[in-house]
Amino acid sequence: MPLFIAGKIIPTDNEGYLANLNDWNEEVAHALAKSGNIQLSDQHWEIILLMRRFYMKYKISPAMRVLSKTIKIELGQDKGQSIYLMKLFPGSPAKLASKIAGLPRPTNCI
């Protein structure tokens, strides 16, 4: 189901991930977060922007284990814990955070 933002149609796949990564911006992120009942805070943005940097460098969305390890290295031990990530992105943090960050679905996430 596509997103409708500021009179523009933003295509998504059948799971809600952006069809075109270049369509992503802050407004799109807020719309994607809202569809998952999440109101983005500074803590969310810290993870989202880290994921986007990771994707730009490696051309892959990080699965949970890699995401946690990367967060521990860049943001500290406490923020790399799965409990912290589950509070921010309930269910499957790597999948949900990737979606909100405008990235493809992580390939190793169920």
N, C-alpha and C. Protein backbone atom coordinates (compact mmCIF):
# COMPACT_ATOMS: atom_id res chain seq x y z
N MET A 1 0.84 -1.18 0.00
CA MET A 1 0.00 0.00 0.00
C MET A 1 0.89 1.24 0.00
N PRO A 2 0.71 2.13 -0.94
CA PRO A 2 1.56 3.32 -1.03
C PRO A 2 1.28 4.31 0.11
N LEU A 3 2.24 5.16 0.36
CA LEU A 3 2.06 6.26 1.29
C LEU A 3 1.64 7.50 0.50
N PHE A 4 0.84 8.33 1.11
CA PHE A 4 0.43 9.60 0.49
C PHE A 4 0.93 10.72 1.38
N ILE A 5 1.93 11.44 0.90
CA ILE A 5 2.55 12.50 1.70
C ILE A 5 2.63 13.77 0.86
N ALA A 6 2.04 14.82 1.41
CA ALA A 6 2.07 16.14 0.76
C ALA A 6 1.63 16.06 -0.70
N GLY A 7 0.57 15.28 -0.96
CA GLY A 7 0.03 15.16 -2.30
C GLY A 7 0.84 14.27 -3.23
N LYS A 8 1.84 13.61 -2.70
CA LYS A 8 2.69 12.75 -3.51
C LYS A 8 2.48 11.29 -3.10
N ILE A 9 2.47 10.41 -4.08
CA ILE A 9 2.35 8.98 -3.82
C ILE A 9 3.75 8.39 -3.70
N ILE A 10 3.99 7.72 -2.58
CA ILE A 10 5.28 7.07 -2.33
C ILE A 10 5.03 5.57 -2.38
N PRO A 11 5.48 4.86 -3.43
CA PRO A 11 5.21 3.43 -3.55
C PRO A 11 5.98 2.61 -2.52
N THR A 12 5.31 1.57 -2.02
CA THR A 12 5.92 0.62 -1.09
C THR A 12 5.65 -0.79 -1.59
N ASP A 13 6.41 -1.75 -1.06
CA ASP A 13 6.14 -3.14 -1.42
C ASP A 13 5.01 -3.69 -0.54
N ASN A 14 4.73 -4.98 -0.67
CA ASN A 14 3.60 -5.56 0.06
C ASN A 14 3.83 -5.63 1.57
N GLU A 15 5.07 -5.39 2.04
CA GLU A 15 5.36 -5.38 3.47
C GLU A 15 5.51 -3.95 4.01
N GLY A 16 5.37 -2.95 3.14
CA GLY A 16 5.44 -1.57 3.57
C GLY A 16 6.81 -0.93 3.45
N TYR A 17 7.79 -1.64 2.90
CA TYR A 17 9.12 -1.07 2.67
C TYR A 17 9.09 -0.21 1.41
N LEU A 18 9.85 0.86 1.41
CA LEU A 18 9.87 1.74 0.24
C LEU A 18 10.31 0.99 -1.01
N ALA A 19 9.62 1.25 -2.10
CA ALA A 19 9.99 0.65 -3.39
C ALA A 19 11.23 1.34 -3.94
N ASN A 20 11.41 2.62 -3.62
CA ASN A 20 12.55 3.40 -4.11
C ASN A 20 13.21 4.08 -2.91
N LEU A 21 14.42 3.68 -2.59
CA LEU A 21 15.12 4.24 -1.43
C LEU A 21 15.29 5.75 -1.50
N ASN A 22 15.31 6.30 -2.71
CA ASN A 22 15.47 7.75 -2.87
C ASN A 22 14.22 8.53 -2.48
N ASP A 23 13.11 7.84 -2.23
CA ASP A 23 11.89 8.52 -1.79
C ASP A 23 11.93 8.87 -0.31
N TRP A 24 12.94 8.36 0.41
CA TRP A 24 13.00 8.55 1.85
C TRP A 24 13.38 9.98 2.22
N ASN A 25 12.70 10.50 3.22
CA ASN A 25 13.07 11.75 3.87
C ASN A 25 12.46 11.72 5.27
N GLU A 26 12.65 12.76 6.03
CA GLU A 26 12.16 12.78 7.41
C GLU A 26 10.64 12.62 7.49
N GLU A 27 9.94 13.25 6.57
CA GLU A 27 8.48 13.15 6.55
C GLU A 27 8.02 11.72 6.25
N VAL A 28 8.70 11.07 5.34
CA VAL A 28 8.40 9.67 5.01
C VAL A 28 8.68 8.79 6.23
N ALA A 29 9.79 9.05 6.91
CA ALA A 29 10.12 8.27 8.11
C ALA A 29 9.01 8.40 9.16
N HIS A 30 8.51 9.60 9.36
CA HIS A 30 7.43 9.79 10.32
C HIS A 30 6.18 9.02 9.91
N ALA A 31 5.86 9.02 8.62
CA ALA A 31 4.69 8.28 8.14
C ALA A 31 4.87 6.77 8.32
N LEU A 32 6.06 6.27 8.01
CA LEU A 32 6.33 4.84 8.19
C LEU A 32 6.28 4.47 9.67
N ALA A 33 6.80 5.32 10.52
CA ALA A 33 6.76 5.07 11.97
C ALA A 33 5.32 5.07 12.47
N LYS A 34 4.54 6.01 12.00
CA LYS A 34 3.13 6.11 12.42
C LYS A 34 2.37 4.83 12.06
N SER A 35 2.68 4.25 10.90
CA SER A 35 2.01 3.01 10.49
C SER A 35 2.35 1.86 11.44
N GLY A 36 3.46 1.98 12.17
CA GLY A 36 3.85 0.98 13.17
C GLY A 36 3.55 1.45 14.59
N ASN A 37 2.71 2.49 14.72
CA ASN A 37 2.33 3.06 16.02
C ASN A 37 3.53 3.54 16.83
N ILE A 38 4.48 4.17 16.15
CA ILE A 38 5.67 4.69 16.81
C ILE A 38 5.75 6.18 16.56
N GLN A 39 6.00 6.93 17.63
CA GLN A 39 6.26 8.36 17.51
C GLN A 39 7.77 8.52 17.68
N LEU A 40 8.42 9.02 16.66
CA LEU A 40 9.87 9.08 16.66
C LEU A 40 10.43 10.09 17.66
N SER A 41 11.40 9.62 18.44
CA SER A 41 12.11 10.45 19.41
C SER A 41 13.57 10.58 18.96
N ASP A 42 14.34 11.33 19.70
CA ASP A 42 15.77 11.45 19.40
C ASP A 42 16.45 10.09 19.44
N GLN A 43 16.02 9.22 20.35
CA GLN A 43 16.61 7.88 20.46
C GLN A 43 16.33 7.07 19.19
N HIS A 44 15.13 7.18 18.64
CA HIS A 44 14.80 6.50 17.39
C HIS A 44 15.69 7.02 16.26
N TRP A 45 15.81 8.34 16.17
CA TRP A 45 16.58 8.95 15.08
C TRP A 45 18.04 8.54 15.14
N GLU A 46 18.57 8.39 16.34
CA GLU A 46 19.95 7.96 16.49
C GLU A 46 20.18 6.60 15.82
N ILE A 47 19.23 5.68 16.02
CA ILE A 47 19.33 4.34 15.42
C ILE A 47 19.05 4.40 13.92
N ILE A 48 18.04 5.15 13.53
CA ILE A 48 17.67 5.26 12.11
C ILE A 48 18.84 5.81 11.29
N LEU A 49 19.45 6.87 11.77
CA LEU A 49 20.55 7.47 11.02
C LEU A 49 21.78 6.56 11.01
N LEU A 50 22.02 5.84 12.10
CA LEU A 50 23.10 4.86 12.12
C LEU A 50 22.86 3.79 11.06
N MET A 51 21.62 3.32 10.97
CA MET A 51 21.29 2.28 9.98
C MET A 51 21.48 2.80 8.57
N ARG A 52 21.11 4.03 8.32
CA ARG A 52 21.29 4.60 6.98
C ARG A 52 22.78 4.71 6.63
N ARG A 53 23.60 5.10 7.60
CA ARG A 53 25.05 5.15 7.36
C ARG A 53 25.60 3.75 7.07
N PHE A 54 25.12 2.77 7.84
CA PHE A 54 25.55 1.39 7.63
C PHE A 54 25.19 0.94 6.22
N TYR A 55 23.97 1.23 5.80
CA TYR A 55 23.52 0.83 4.47
C TYR A 55 24.35 1.51 3.38
N MET A 56 24.62 2.78 3.53
CA MET A 56 25.40 3.51 2.52
C MET A 56 26.81 2.91 2.39
N LYS A 57 27.36 2.43 3.50
CA LYS A 57 28.70 1.87 3.49
C LYS A 57 28.73 0.45 2.94
N TYR A 58 27.77 -0.41 3.37
CA TYR A 58 27.82 -1.84 3.04
C TYR A 58 26.77 -2.29 2.02
N LYS A 59 25.83 -1.42 1.68
CA LYS A 59 24.76 -1.73 0.70
C LYS A 59 23.90 -2.91 1.14
N ILE A 60 23.69 -3.03 2.46
CA ILE A 60 22.83 -4.07 3.01
C ILE A 60 22.23 -3.54 4.31
N SER A 61 20.99 -3.92 4.58
CA SER A 61 20.36 -3.57 5.85
C SER A 61 20.84 -4.56 6.91
N PRO A 62 21.27 -4.06 8.07
CA PRO A 62 21.81 -4.98 9.07
C PRO A 62 20.72 -5.81 9.75
N ALA A 63 20.99 -7.11 9.89
CA ALA A 63 20.12 -7.99 10.68
C ALA A 63 20.40 -7.68 12.16
N MET A 64 19.62 -8.24 13.05
CA MET A 64 19.66 -7.89 14.46
C MET A 64 21.05 -8.02 15.08
N ARG A 65 21.73 -9.11 14.87
CA ARG A 65 23.03 -9.32 15.51
C ARG A 65 24.04 -8.26 15.06
N VAL A 66 24.09 -8.01 13.77
CA VAL A 66 25.02 -7.01 13.22
C VAL A 66 24.61 -5.62 13.68
N LEU A 67 23.30 -5.36 13.71
CA LEU A 67 22.80 -4.06 14.17
C LEU A 67 23.23 -3.82 15.61
N SER A 68 23.01 -4.79 16.49
CA SER A 68 23.38 -4.64 17.90
C SER A 68 24.88 -4.38 18.06
N LYS A 69 25.68 -5.14 17.33
CA LYS A 69 27.13 -4.98 17.42
C LYS A 69 27.56 -3.59 16.94
N THR A 70 26.99 -3.14 15.84
CA THR A 70 27.32 -1.82 15.30
C THR A 70 26.91 -0.71 16.27
N ILE A 71 25.74 -0.85 16.85
CA ILE A 71 25.27 0.15 17.82
C ILE A 71 26.18 0.18 19.04
N LYS A 72 26.57 -0.99 19.54
CA LYS A 72 27.48 -1.04 20.69
C LYS A 72 28.78 -0.31 20.39
N ILE A 73 29.30 -0.49 19.20
CA ILE A 73 30.56 0.16 18.80
C ILE A 73 30.39 1.67 18.66
N GLU A 74 29.30 2.09 18.02
CA GLU A 74 29.13 3.51 17.72
C GLU A 74 28.42 4.32 18.80
N LEU A 75 27.48 3.68 19.53
CA LEU A 75 26.66 4.44 20.47
C LEU A 75 26.80 3.98 21.92
N GLY A 76 27.49 2.89 22.14
CA GLY A 76 27.70 2.41 23.50
C GLY A 76 26.96 1.12 23.81
N GLN A 77 27.48 0.44 24.80
CA GLN A 77 26.99 -0.87 25.22
C GLN A 77 25.49 -0.88 25.54
N ASP A 78 25.02 0.11 26.29
CA ASP A 78 23.62 0.13 26.72
C ASP A 78 22.64 0.20 25.54
N LYS A 79 22.98 0.98 24.53
CA LYS A 79 22.07 1.16 23.39
C LYS A 79 22.11 -0.02 22.43
N GLY A 80 23.13 -0.84 22.52
CA GLY A 80 23.23 -2.00 21.65
C GLY A 80 22.54 -3.23 22.20
N GLN A 81 21.91 -3.11 23.34
CA GLN A 81 21.19 -4.24 23.95
C GLN A 81 19.85 -4.46 23.26
N SER A 82 19.49 -5.72 23.08
CA SER A 82 18.23 -6.03 22.40
C SER A 82 17.03 -5.48 23.16
N ILE A 83 17.09 -5.41 24.48
CA ILE A 83 15.96 -4.87 25.27
C ILE A 83 15.73 -3.40 24.92
N TYR A 84 16.80 -2.64 24.81
CA TYR A 84 16.70 -1.23 24.44
C TYR A 84 16.08 -1.09 23.06
N LEU A 85 16.56 -1.89 22.11
CA LEU A 85 16.05 -1.82 20.74
C LEU A 85 14.59 -2.26 20.66
N MET A 86 14.22 -3.26 21.45
CA MET A 86 12.82 -3.74 21.46
C MET A 86 11.88 -2.65 21.99
N LYS A 87 12.35 -1.85 22.94
CA LYS A 87 11.51 -0.76 23.46
C LYS A 87 11.27 0.29 22.38
N LEU A 88 12.30 0.55 21.58
CA LEU A 88 12.17 1.56 20.52
C LEU A 88 11.42 1.03 19.31
N PHE A 89 11.73 -0.21 18.93
CA PHE A 89 11.18 -0.82 17.71
C PHE A 89 10.62 -2.19 18.07
N PRO A 90 9.39 -2.24 18.63
CA PRO A 90 8.83 -3.51 19.13
C PRO A 90 8.67 -4.56 18.03
N GLY A 91 8.76 -5.81 18.45
CA GLY A 91 8.59 -6.93 17.53
C GLY A 91 9.94 -7.37 17.00
N SER A 92 10.27 -6.90 15.84
CA SER A 92 11.55 -7.21 15.21
C SER A 92 12.28 -5.89 14.95
N PRO A 93 13.13 -5.47 15.88
CA PRO A 93 13.77 -4.15 15.77
C PRO A 93 14.50 -3.91 14.45
N ALA A 94 15.26 -4.88 13.98
CA ALA A 94 16.02 -4.67 12.75
C ALA A 94 15.08 -4.45 11.56
N LYS A 95 14.00 -5.22 11.49
CA LYS A 95 13.05 -5.06 10.38
C LYS A 95 12.33 -3.72 10.46
N LEU A 96 11.81 -3.41 11.63
CA LEU A 96 11.02 -2.18 11.78
C LEU A 96 11.89 -0.94 11.60
N ALA A 97 13.07 -0.95 12.19
CA ALA A 97 13.97 0.20 12.04
C ALA A 97 14.41 0.36 10.58
N SER A 98 14.66 -0.74 9.89
CA SER A 98 15.02 -0.67 8.47
C SER A 98 13.89 -0.05 7.66
N LYS A 99 12.68 -0.47 7.95
CA LYS A 99 11.53 0.07 7.22
C LYS A 99 11.42 1.58 7.43
N ILE A 100 11.49 2.02 8.69
CA ILE A 100 11.37 3.44 8.99
C ILE A 100 12.54 4.23 8.40
N ALA A 101 13.72 3.60 8.33
CA ALA A 101 14.90 4.25 7.77
C ALA A 101 14.88 4.27 6.24
N GLY A 102 13.84 3.68 5.64
CA GLY A 102 13.71 3.69 4.19
C GLY A 102 14.62 2.68 3.50
N LEU A 103 15.05 1.66 4.24
CA LEU A 103 15.97 0.67 3.72
C LEU A 103 15.24 -0.63 3.36
N PRO A 104 15.87 -1.49 2.57
CA PRO A 104 15.27 -2.79 2.27
C PRO A 104 15.17 -3.65 3.53
N ARG A 105 14.30 -4.62 3.47
CA ARG A 105 14.15 -5.58 4.56
C ARG A 105 15.46 -6.33 4.75
N PRO A 106 15.94 -6.45 6.01
CA PRO A 106 17.15 -7.24 6.24
C PRO A 106 16.94 -8.68 5.78
N THR A 107 17.90 -9.22 5.09
CA THR A 107 17.73 -10.55 4.49
C THR A 107 17.73 -11.68 5.50
N ASN A 108 18.38 -11.50 6.64
CA ASN A 108 18.45 -12.57 7.62
C ASN A 108 17.44 -12.46 8.73
N CYS A 109 16.40 -11.66 8.57
CA CYS A 109 15.36 -11.49 9.59
C CYS A 109 14.09 -12.24 9.18
N ILE A 110 13.55 -12.95 10.12
CA ILE A 110 12.31 -13.71 9.87
C ILE A 110 11.11 -12.81 9.99
